[in-house]
Amino acid sequence: MKNLWLFDIDGTLVNINKLHLATYKKTYRDNGIRLSDKAILSTFGMTEKEVLVSVFSKIGLKYGRDLVEKIKQEHQRNIFESVNELNGIKPLVGVQQFLACLCNNNQYTGIVTGNLKETAELILKKSNLLRFFRIMGYDDNKKSRKQIVKDAVSKAKRKFEFQKVVVIGDTIHDIEAGKSINAITIAVATGSDSLKKLKSKNPDLAQSNLKNYKKI
């Protein structure tokens, strides 16, 4: 039985959340916005637009298009430069083995991420994981997280025949996006959300990491 397996990147396949956090803090600080680490981490898993809607709401600032575009462009430049400076990115425990297992069993694998395309592909190249994926769903500055997942499934249907869709991620936003299309949802506590918080969204399975991928 062939299924479609859709993976988030940050906190699921690799964990460079400290880098993302530092980059967001710099971008916000350069634009006169002060947020706690906790407030920034709560937006992880969202698209860039969803992140800024949440941020502006937290600080009581009007959602102005010019400032939003300025922040998005600066953050995109900052995160791309930060990732590009890395010599490499180590995949999280069990990730390479799990992906190799899926590919060896002729399963279809794809990416659904809140990163913009250039950043997402750079992270996957730096971690030597890009080779595993046949479908890519990115943020394009317009889509919601749920729309990214929906569009990735539609793209896959034009190429492959599969029965079930499985969405794997490390935040409640990944779970909510998977549930919005009635996918099987797998939560892993290797990112910004705790196992307890992930379980509160009732995923089909919640694990500490992907080491025990055979259970999945």
Foldseek 3Di string as FASTA:
>chain_A
DAEEEEEEPDLAFFDPVVLLLVLLCVLCVVVVHDDDSVQQLQCAQKALLSSVVSRCVVVVHDPDPVVSVVSVVSSLVSLLVSLVPDQATATDAQNVVLLVVCVVVVYAYEYQYSAAPSNVVSNCVRHVNPVSHDFYFYNPVPDISLVSVVVRVVVVVVPDDHDAYEFEEADCSSQVSCVVVPHQYEHEPRYSDHQVRNCVSPGVYYYPGCNVVVVD
